């Protein structure tokens, strides 16, 4: 085995051990993840909004007429 395969094997083992400890060693409850997931979705949405406000602000600084923020799907303008 070369060094790369050993490192990949160690990383996979650590990942499996971590997931195993979440689900079996501790009393892991799925409902703990629901508020955390909703919180991160909310924070991510606020982050996107603030990012787009930054584009609008600096567009106004260089005299680009901007009136609305539009957040599109990937690849669509």
PDB file of N, CA and C in Angstrom:
ATOM      1  N   UNK A   1       0.850  -1.196   0.000  1.00  0.00           N
ATOM      2  CA  UNK A   1       0.000   0.000   0.000  1.00  0.00           C
ATOM      3  C   UNK A   1       0.884   1.244   0.000  1.00  0.00           C
ATOM      4  N   UNK A   2       0.447   2.203  -0.765  1.00  0.00           N
ATOM      5  CA  UNK A   2       1.214   3.435  -0.757  1.00  0.00           C
ATOM      6  C   UNK A   2       0.667   4.381   0.321  1.00  0.00           C
ATOM      7  N   UNK A   3       1.350   5.446   0.508  1.00  0.00           N
ATOM      8  CA  UNK A   3       1.028   6.385   1.576  1.00  0.00           C
ATOM      9  C   UNK A   3      -0.367   6.999   1.413  1.00  0.00           C
ATOM     10  N   UNK A   4      -0.754   7.289   0.168  1.00  0.00           N
ATOM     11  CA  UNK A   4      -2.063   7.903  -0.104  1.00  0.00           C
ATOM     12  C   UNK A   4      -3.196   6.987   0.338  1.00  0.00           C
ATOM     13  N   UNK A   5      -3.101   5.685   0.028  1.00  0.00           N
ATOM     14  CA  UNK A   5      -4.136   4.740   0.422  1.00  0.00           C
ATOM     15  C   UNK A   5      -4.233   4.607   1.938  1.00  0.00           C
ATOM     16  N   UNK A   6      -3.112   4.680   2.623  1.00  0.00           N
ATOM     17  CA  UNK A   6      -3.126   4.601   4.081  1.00  0.00           C
ATOM     18  C   UNK A   6      -3.836   5.814   4.676  1.00  0.00           C
ATOM     19  N   UNK A   7      -3.537   7.000   4.159  1.00  0.00           N
ATOM     20  CA  UNK A   7      -4.175   8.220   4.660  1.00  0.00           C
ATOM     21  C   UNK A   7      -5.680   8.188   4.388  1.00  0.00           C
ATOM     22  N   UNK A   8      -6.081   7.749   3.195  1.00  0.00           N
ATOM     23  CA  UNK A   8      -7.502   7.647   2.870  1.00  0.00           C
ATOM     24  C   UNK A   8      -8.183   6.641   3.797  1.00  0.00           C
ATOM     25  N   UNK A   9      -7.542   5.517   4.058  1.00  0.00           N
ATOM     26  CA  UNK A   9      -8.104   4.518   4.964  1.00  0.00           C
ATOM     27  C   UNK A   9      -8.278   5.053   6.376  1.00  0.00           C
ATOM     28  N   UNK A  10      -7.315   5.814   6.856  1.00  0.00           N
ATOM     29  CA  UNK A  10      -7.412   6.406   8.189  1.00  0.00           C
ATOM     30  C   UNK A  10      -8.565   7.408   8.242  1.00  0.00           C
ATOM     31  N   UNK A  11      -8.691   8.249   7.214  1.00  0.00           N
ATOM     32  CA  UNK A  11      -9.775   9.225   7.187  1.00  0.00           C
ATOM     33  C   UNK A  11     -11.144   8.555   7.130  1.00  0.00           C
ATOM     34  N   UNK A  12     -11.264   7.494   6.352  1.00  0.00           N
ATOM     35  CA  UNK A  12     -12.532   6.763   6.286  1.00  0.00           C
ATOM     36  C   UNK A  12     -12.826   6.122   7.645  1.00  0.00           C
ATOM     37  N   UNK A  13     -11.833   5.562   8.289  1.00  0.00           N
ATOM     38  CA  UNK A  13     -12.029   4.968   9.612  1.00  0.00           C
ATOM     39  C   UNK A  13     -12.459   5.983  10.651  1.00  0.00           C
ATOM     40  N   UNK A  14     -11.861   7.168  10.629  1.00  0.00           N
ATOM     41  CA  UNK A  14     -12.242   8.233  11.565  1.00  0.00           C
ATOM     42  C   UNK A  14     -13.680   8.659  11.306  1.00  0.00           C
ATOM     43  N   UNK A  15     -14.042   8.796  10.033  1.00  0.00           N
ATOM     44  CA  UNK A  15     -15.409   9.195   9.685  1.00  0.00           C
ATOM     45  C   UNK A  15     -16.421   8.155  10.145  1.00  0.00           C
ATOM     46  N   UNK A  16     -16.147   6.885   9.890  1.00  0.00           N
ATOM     47  CA  UNK A  16     -17.062   5.823  10.318  1.00  0.00           C
ATOM     48  C   UNK A  16     -17.157   5.795  11.839  1.00  0.00           C
ATOM     49  N   UNK A  17     -16.060   5.970  12.521  1.00  0.00           N
ATOM     50  CA  UNK A  17     -16.083   5.998  13.984  1.00  0.00           C
ATOM     51  C   UNK A  17     -16.886   7.166  14.520  1.00  0.00           C
ATOM     52  N   UNK A  18     -16.762   8.312  13.893  1.00  0.00           N
ATOM     53  CA  UNK A  18     -17.515   9.486  14.336  1.00  0.00           C
ATOM     54  C   UNK A  18     -19.012   9.275  14.148  1.00  0.00           C
ATOM     55  N   UNK A  19     -19.399   8.792  12.967  1.00  0.00           N
ATOM     56  CA  UNK A  19     -20.815   8.545  12.698  1.00  0.00           C
ATOM     57  C   UNK A  19     -21.347   7.464  13.632  1.00  0.00           C
ATOM     58  N   UNK A  20     -20.577   6.422  13.867  1.00  0.00           N
ATOM     59  CA  UNK A  20     -20.977   5.359  14.768  1.00  0.00           C
ATOM     60  C   UNK A  20     -21.186   5.891  16.189  1.00  0.00           C
ATOM     61  N   UNK A  21     -20.297   6.767  16.636  1.00  0.00           N
ATOM     62  CA  UNK A  21     -20.443   7.309  17.991  1.00  0.00           C
ATOM     63  C   UNK A  21     -21.662   8.220  18.091  1.00  0.00           C
ATOM     64  N   UNK A  22     -22.017   8.895  17.011  1.00  0.00           N
ATOM     65  CA  UNK A  22     -23.213   9.743  17.043  1.00  0.00           C
ATOM     66  C   UNK A  22     -24.486   8.917  17.186  1.00  0.00           C
ATOM     67  N   UNK A  23     -24.571   7.827  16.465  1.00  0.00           N
ATOM     68  CA  UNK A  23     -25.812   7.081  16.405  1.00  0.00           C
ATOM     69  C   UNK A  23     -25.952   6.010  17.480  1.00  0.00           C
ATOM     70  N   UNK A  24     -24.843   5.481  17.992  1.00  0.00           N
ATOM     71  CA  UNK A  24     -24.967   4.319  18.864  1.00  0.00           C
ATOM     72  C   UNK A  24     -24.409   4.535  20.266  1.00  0.00           C
ATOM     73  N   UNK A  25     -23.289   5.209  20.415  1.00  0.00           N
ATOM     74  CA  UNK A  25     -22.677   5.321  21.729  1.00  0.00           C
ATOM     75  C   UNK A  25     -23.432   6.302  22.610  1.00  0.00           C
ATOM     76  N   UNK A  26     -23.806   7.425  22.064  1.00  0.00           N
ATOM     77  CA  UNK A  26     -24.555   8.419  22.805  1.00  0.00           C
ATOM     78  C   UNK A  26     -26.021   8.298  22.417  1.00  0.00           C
ATOM     79  N   UNK A  27     -26.876   8.806  23.241  1.00  0.00           N
ATOM     80  CA  UNK A  27     -28.294   8.754  22.906  1.00  0.00           C
ATOM     81  C   UNK A  27     -28.598   9.860  21.920  1.00  0.00           C
ATOM     82  N   UNK A  28     -28.249   9.610  20.689  1.00  0.00           N
ATOM     83  CA  UNK A  28     -28.431  10.592  19.623  1.00  0.00           C
ATOM     84  C   UNK A  28     -29.897  10.626  19.221  1.00  0.00           C
ATOM     85  N   UNK A  29     -30.470  11.785  19.246  1.00  0.00           N
ATOM     86  CA  UNK A  29     -31.867  11.958  18.855  1.00  0.00           C
ATOM     87  C   UNK A  29     -31.925  12.821  17.605  1.00  0.00           C
ATOM     88  N   UNK A  30     -32.704  12.390  16.632  1.00  0.00           N
ATOM     89  CA  UNK A  30     -32.813  13.123  15.382  1.00  0.00           C
ATOM     90  C   UNK A  30     -33.417  14.501  15.592  1.00  0.00           C
ATOM     91  N   UNK A  31     -34.304  14.631  16.572  1.00  0.00           N
ATOM     92  CA  UNK A  31     -34.946  15.922  16.774  1.00  0.00           C
ATOM     93  C   UNK A  31     -33.998  16.981  17.316  1.00  0.00           C
ATOM     94  N   UNK A  32     -32.794  16.607  17.725  1.00  0.00           N
ATOM     95  CA  UNK A  32     -31.794  17.612  18.077  1.00  0.00           C
ATOM     96  C   UNK A  32     -31.301  18.344  16.836  1.00  0.00           C
ATOM     97  N   UNK A  33     -31.321  17.657  15.695  1.00  0.00           N
ATOM     98  CA  UNK A  33     -30.793  18.248  14.467  1.00  0.00           C
ATOM     99  C   UNK A  33     -31.777  19.204  13.800  1.00  0.00           C
ATOM    100  N   UNK A  34     -33.066  19.038  14.053  1.00  0.00           N
ATOM    101  CA  UNK A  34     -34.059  19.860  13.355  1.00  0.00           C
ATOM    102  C   UNK A  34     -33.905  21.345  13.689  1.00  0.00           C
ATOM    103  N   UNK A  35     -33.872  21.764  14.967  1.00  0.00           N
ATOM    104  CA  UNK A  35     -33.674  23.202  15.232  1.00  0.00           C
ATOM    105  C   UNK A  35     -32.324  23.715  14.743  1.00  0.00           C
ATOM    106  N   UNK A  36     -31.300  22.874  14.855  1.00  0.00           N
ATOM    107  CA  UNK A  36     -29.972  23.282  14.389  1.00  0.00           C
ATOM    108  C   UNK A  36     -29.966  23.489  12.879  1.00  0.00           C
ATOM    109  N   UNK A  37     -30.604  22.598  12.149  1.00  0.00           N
ATOM    110  CA  UNK A  37     -30.684  22.722  10.690  1.00  0.00           C
ATOM    111  C   UNK A  37     -31.469  23.963  10.296  1.00  0.00           C
ATOM    112  N   UNK A  38     -32.599  24.197  10.951  1.00  0.00           N
ATOM    113  CA  UNK A  38     -33.388  25.388  10.649  1.00  0.00           C
ATOM    114  C   UNK A  38     -32.613  26.666  10.958  1.00  0.00           C
ATOM    115  N   UNK A  39     -31.842  26.648  12.049  1.00  0.00           N
ATOM    116  CA  UNK A  39     -31.018  27.805  12.395  1.00  0.00           C
ATOM    117  C   UNK A  39     -29.991  28.091  11.302  1.00  0.00           C
ATOM    118  N   UNK A  40     -29.309  27.057  10.812  1.00  0.00           N
ATOM    119  CA  UNK A  40     -28.293  27.266   9.784  1.00  0.00           C
ATOM    120  C   UNK A  40     -28.912  27.697   8.458  1.00  0.00           C
ATOM    121  N   UNK A  41     -30.103  27.198   8.137  1.00  0.00           N
ATOM    122  CA  UNK A  41     -30.785  27.662   6.927  1.00  0.00           C
ATOM    123  C   UNK A  41     -31.128  29.140   7.062  1.00  0.00           C
ATOM    124  N   UNK A  42     -31.606  29.546   8.235  1.00  0.00           N
ATOM    125  CA  UNK A  42     -31.930  30.950   8.473  1.00  0.00           C
ATOM    126  C   UNK A  42     -30.686  31.828   8.370  1.00  0.00           C
ATOM    127  N   UNK A  43     -29.609  31.409   9.008  1.00  0.00           N
ATOM    128  CA  UNK A  43     -28.358  32.188   8.971  1.00  0.00           C
ATOM    129  C   UNK A  43     -27.816  32.266   7.544  1.00  0.00           C
ATOM    130  N   UNK A  44     -27.895  31.163   6.792  1.00  0.00           N
ATOM    131  CA  UNK A  44     -27.419  31.154   5.417  1.00  0.00           C
ATOM    132  C   UNK A  44     -28.239  32.119   4.554  1.00  0.00           C
ATOM    133  N   UNK A  45     -29.551  32.134   4.757  1.00  0.00           N
ATOM    134  CA  UNK A  45     -30.417  33.046   4.007  1.00  0.00           C
ATOM    135  C   UNK A  45     -30.075  34.499   4.316  1.00  0.00           C
ATOM    136  N   UNK A  46     -29.891  34.817   5.576  1.00  0.00           N
ATOM    137  CA  UNK A  46     -29.508  36.184   5.971  1.00  0.00           C
ATOM    138  C   UNK A  46     -28.154  36.539   5.365  1.00  0.00           C
ATOM    139  N   UNK A  47     -27.229  35.587   5.353  1.00  0.00           N
ATOM    140  CA  UNK A  47     -25.906  35.826   4.780  1.00  0.00           C
ATOM    141  C   UNK A  47     -26.004  36.157   3.291  1.00  0.00           C
ATOM    142  N   UNK A  48     -26.822  35.427   2.541  1.00  0.00           N
ATOM    143  CA  UNK A  48     -27.004  35.709   1.117  1.00  0.00           C
ATOM    144  C   UNK A  48     -27.591  37.100   0.922  1.00  0.00           C
ATOM    145  N   UNK A  49     -28.582  37.446   1.727  1.00  0.00           N
ATOM    146  CA  UNK A  49     -29.213  38.757   1.610  1.00  0.00           C
ATOM    147  C   UNK A  49     -28.201  39.877   1.856  1.00  0.00           C
ATOM    148  N   UNK A  50     -27.406  39.753   2.914  1.00  0.00           N
ATOM    149  CA  UNK A  50     -26.395  40.768   3.220  1.00  0.00           C
ATOM    150  C   UNK A  50     -25.358  40.841   2.095  1.00  0.00           C
ATOM    151  N   UNK A  51     -24.990  39.704   1.536  1.00  0.00           N
ATOM    152  CA  UNK A  51     -24.031  39.668   0.425  1.00  0.00           C
ATOM    153  C   UNK A  51     -24.582  40.437  -0.780  1.00  0.00           C
ATOM    154  N   UNK A  52     -25.839  40.207  -1.111  1.00  0.00           N
ATOM    155  CA  UNK A  52     -26.444  40.884  -2.259  1.00  0.00           C
ATOM    156  C   UNK A  52     -26.634  42.382  -1.991  1.00  0.00           C
ATOM    157  N   UNK A  53     -26.925  42.759  -0.762  1.00  0.00           N
ATOM    158  CA  UNK A  53     -26.991  44.187  -0.397  1.00  0.00           C
ATOM    159  C   UNK A  53     -25.630  44.840  -0.634  1.00  0.00           C
ATOM    160  N   UNK A  54     -24.546  44.097  -0.356  1.00  0.00           N
ATOM    161  CA  UNK A  54     -23.197  44.609  -0.624  1.00  0.00           C
ATOM    162  C   UNK A  54     -22.980  44.879  -2.101  1.00  0.00           C
ATOM    163  N   UNK A  55     -23.455  43.968  -2.955  1.00  0.00           N
ATOM    164  CA  UNK A  55     -23.354  44.208  -4.397  1.00  0.00           C
ATOM    165  C   UNK A  55     -24.130  45.471  -4.783  1.00  0.00           C
ATOM    166  N   UNK A  56     -25.310  45.620  -4.225  1.00  0.00           N
ATOM    167  CA  UNK A  56     -26.144  46.789  -4.543  1.00  0.00           C
ATOM    168  C   UNK A  56     -25.471  48.081  -4.074  1.00  0.00           C
ATOM    169  N   UNK A  57     -24.911  48.048  -2.869  1.00  0.00           N
ATOM    170  CA  UNK A  57     -24.255  49.225  -2.304  1.00  0.00           C
ATOM    171  C   UNK A  57     -23.071  49.662  -3.162  1.00  0.00           C
ATOM    172  N   UNK A  58     -22.205  48.714  -3.511  1.00  0.00           N
ATOM    173  CA  UNK A  58     -21.035  49.085  -4.297  1.00  0.00           C
ATOM    174  C   UNK A  58     -21.403  49.398  -5.744  1.00  0.00           C
ATOM    175  N   UNK A  59     -22.492  48.839  -6.237  1.00  0.00           N
ATOM    176  CA  UNK A  59     -22.992  49.243  -7.552  1.00  0.00           C
ATOM    177  C   UNK A  59     -23.415  50.699  -7.551  1.00  0.00           C
ATOM    178  N   UNK A  60     -24.076  51.113  -6.472  1.00  0.00           N
ATOM    179  CA  UNK A  60     -24.479  52.525  -6.362  1.00  0.00           C
ATOM    180  C   UNK A  60     -23.260  53.439  -6.253  1.00  0.00           C
ATOM    181  N   UNK A  61     -22.202  52.966  -5.603  1.00  0.00           N
ATOM    182  CA  UNK A  61     -20.988  53.780  -5.477  1.00  0.00           C
ATOM    183  C   UNK A  61     -20.356  54.077  -6.838  1.00  0.00           C
ATOM    184  N   UNK A  62     -20.469  53.149  -7.779  1.00  0.00           N
ATOM    185  CA  UNK A  62     -19.883  53.364  -9.098  1.00  0.00           C
ATOM    186  C   UNK A  62     -20.946  53.779 -10.113  1.00  0.00           C
ATOM    187  N   UNK A  63     -22.065  54.289  -9.608  1.00  0.00           N
ATOM    188  CA  UNK A  63     -23.132  54.892 -10.419  1.00  0.00           C
ATOM    189  C   UNK A  63     -23.877  53.888 -11.307  1.00  0.00           C
ATOM    190  N   UNK A  64     -24.062  52.670 -10.820  1.00  0.00           N
ATOM    191  CA  UNK A  64     -24.907  51.703 -11.507  1.00  0.00           C
ATOM    192  C   UNK A  64     -26.291  51.796 -10.890  1.00  0.00           C
ATOM    193  N   UNK A  65     -27.297  51.966 -11.727  1.00  0.00           N
ATOM    194  CA  UNK A  65     -28.655  52.148 -11.243  1.00  0.00           C
ATOM    195  C   UNK A  65     -29.247  50.788 -10.837  1.00  0.00           C
ATOM    196  N   UNK A  66     -29.339  50.552  -9.539  1.00  0.00           N
ATOM    197  CA  UNK A  66     -29.907  49.305  -9.036  1.00  0.00           C
ATOM    198  C   UNK A  66     -31.125  49.623  -8.186  1.00  0.00           C
ATOM    199  N   UNK A  67     -32.219  48.911  -8.439  1.00  0.00           N
ATOM    200  CA  UNK A  67     -33.448  49.141  -7.687  1.00  0.00           C
ATOM    201  C   UNK A  67     -33.954  47.925  -6.957  1.00  0.00           C
ATOM    202  N   UNK A  68     -33.509  46.750  -7.370  1.00  0.00           N
ATOM    203  CA  UNK A  68     -33.985  45.556  -6.690  1.00  0.00           C
ATOM    204  C   UNK A  68     -32.890  44.500  -6.646  1.00  0.00           C
ATOM    205  N   UNK A  69     -33.045  43.594  -5.706  1.00  0.00           N
ATOM    206  CA  UNK A  69     -32.125  42.476  -5.567  1.00  0.00           C
ATOM    207  C   UNK A  69     -32.835  41.255  -6.114  1.00  0.00           C
ATOM    208  N   UNK A  70     -32.152  40.517  -6.978  1.00  0.00           N
ATOM    209  CA  UNK A  70     -32.733  39.307  -7.539  1.00  0.00           C
ATOM    210  C   UNK A  70     -31.775  38.147  -7.285  1.00  0.00           C
ATOM    211  N   UNK A  71     -32.273  37.152  -6.598  1.00  0.00           N
ATOM    212  CA  UNK A  71     -31.481  35.969  -6.321  1.00  0.00           C
ATOM    213  C   UNK A  71     -32.037  34.857  -7.194  1.00  0.00           C
ATOM    214  N   UNK A  72     -31.199  34.345  -8.096  1.00  0.00           N
ATOM    215  CA  UNK A  72     -31.645  33.376  -9.114  1.00  0.00           C
ATOM    216  C   UNK A  72     -31.075  32.004  -8.816  1.00  0.00           C
ATOM    217  N   UNK A  73     -31.594  31.011  -9.560  1.00  0.00           N
ATOM    218  CA  UNK A  73     -31.021  29.680  -9.527  1.00  0.00           C
ATOM    219  C   UNK A  73     -29.682  29.721 -10.260  1.00  0.00           C
ATOM    220  N   UNK A  74     -28.849  28.698 -10.017  1.00  0.00           N
ATOM    221  CA  UNK A  74     -27.553  28.618 -10.679  1.00  0.00           C
ATOM    222  C   UNK A  74     -27.748  28.555 -12.180  1.00  0.00           C
ATOM    223  N   UNK A  75     -27.031  29.358 -12.906  1.00  0.00           N
ATOM    224  CA  UNK A  75     -27.022  29.313 -14.341  1.00  0.00           C
ATOM    225  C   UNK A  75     -28.132  30.099 -14.990  1.00  0.00           C
ATOM    226  N   UNK A  76     -29.028  30.676 -14.221  1.00  0.00           N
ATOM    227  CA  UNK A  76     -30.121  31.473 -14.780  1.00  0.00           C
ATOM    228  C   UNK A  76     -29.926  32.925 -14.380  1.00  0.00           C
ATOM    229  N   UNK A  77     -30.105  33.806 -15.315  1.00  0.00           N
ATOM    230  CA  UNK A  77     -29.931  35.241 -15.027  1.00  0.00           C
ATOM    231  C   UNK A  77     -31.232  35.950 -15.259  1.00  0.00           C
TER     232      UNK A  77
END
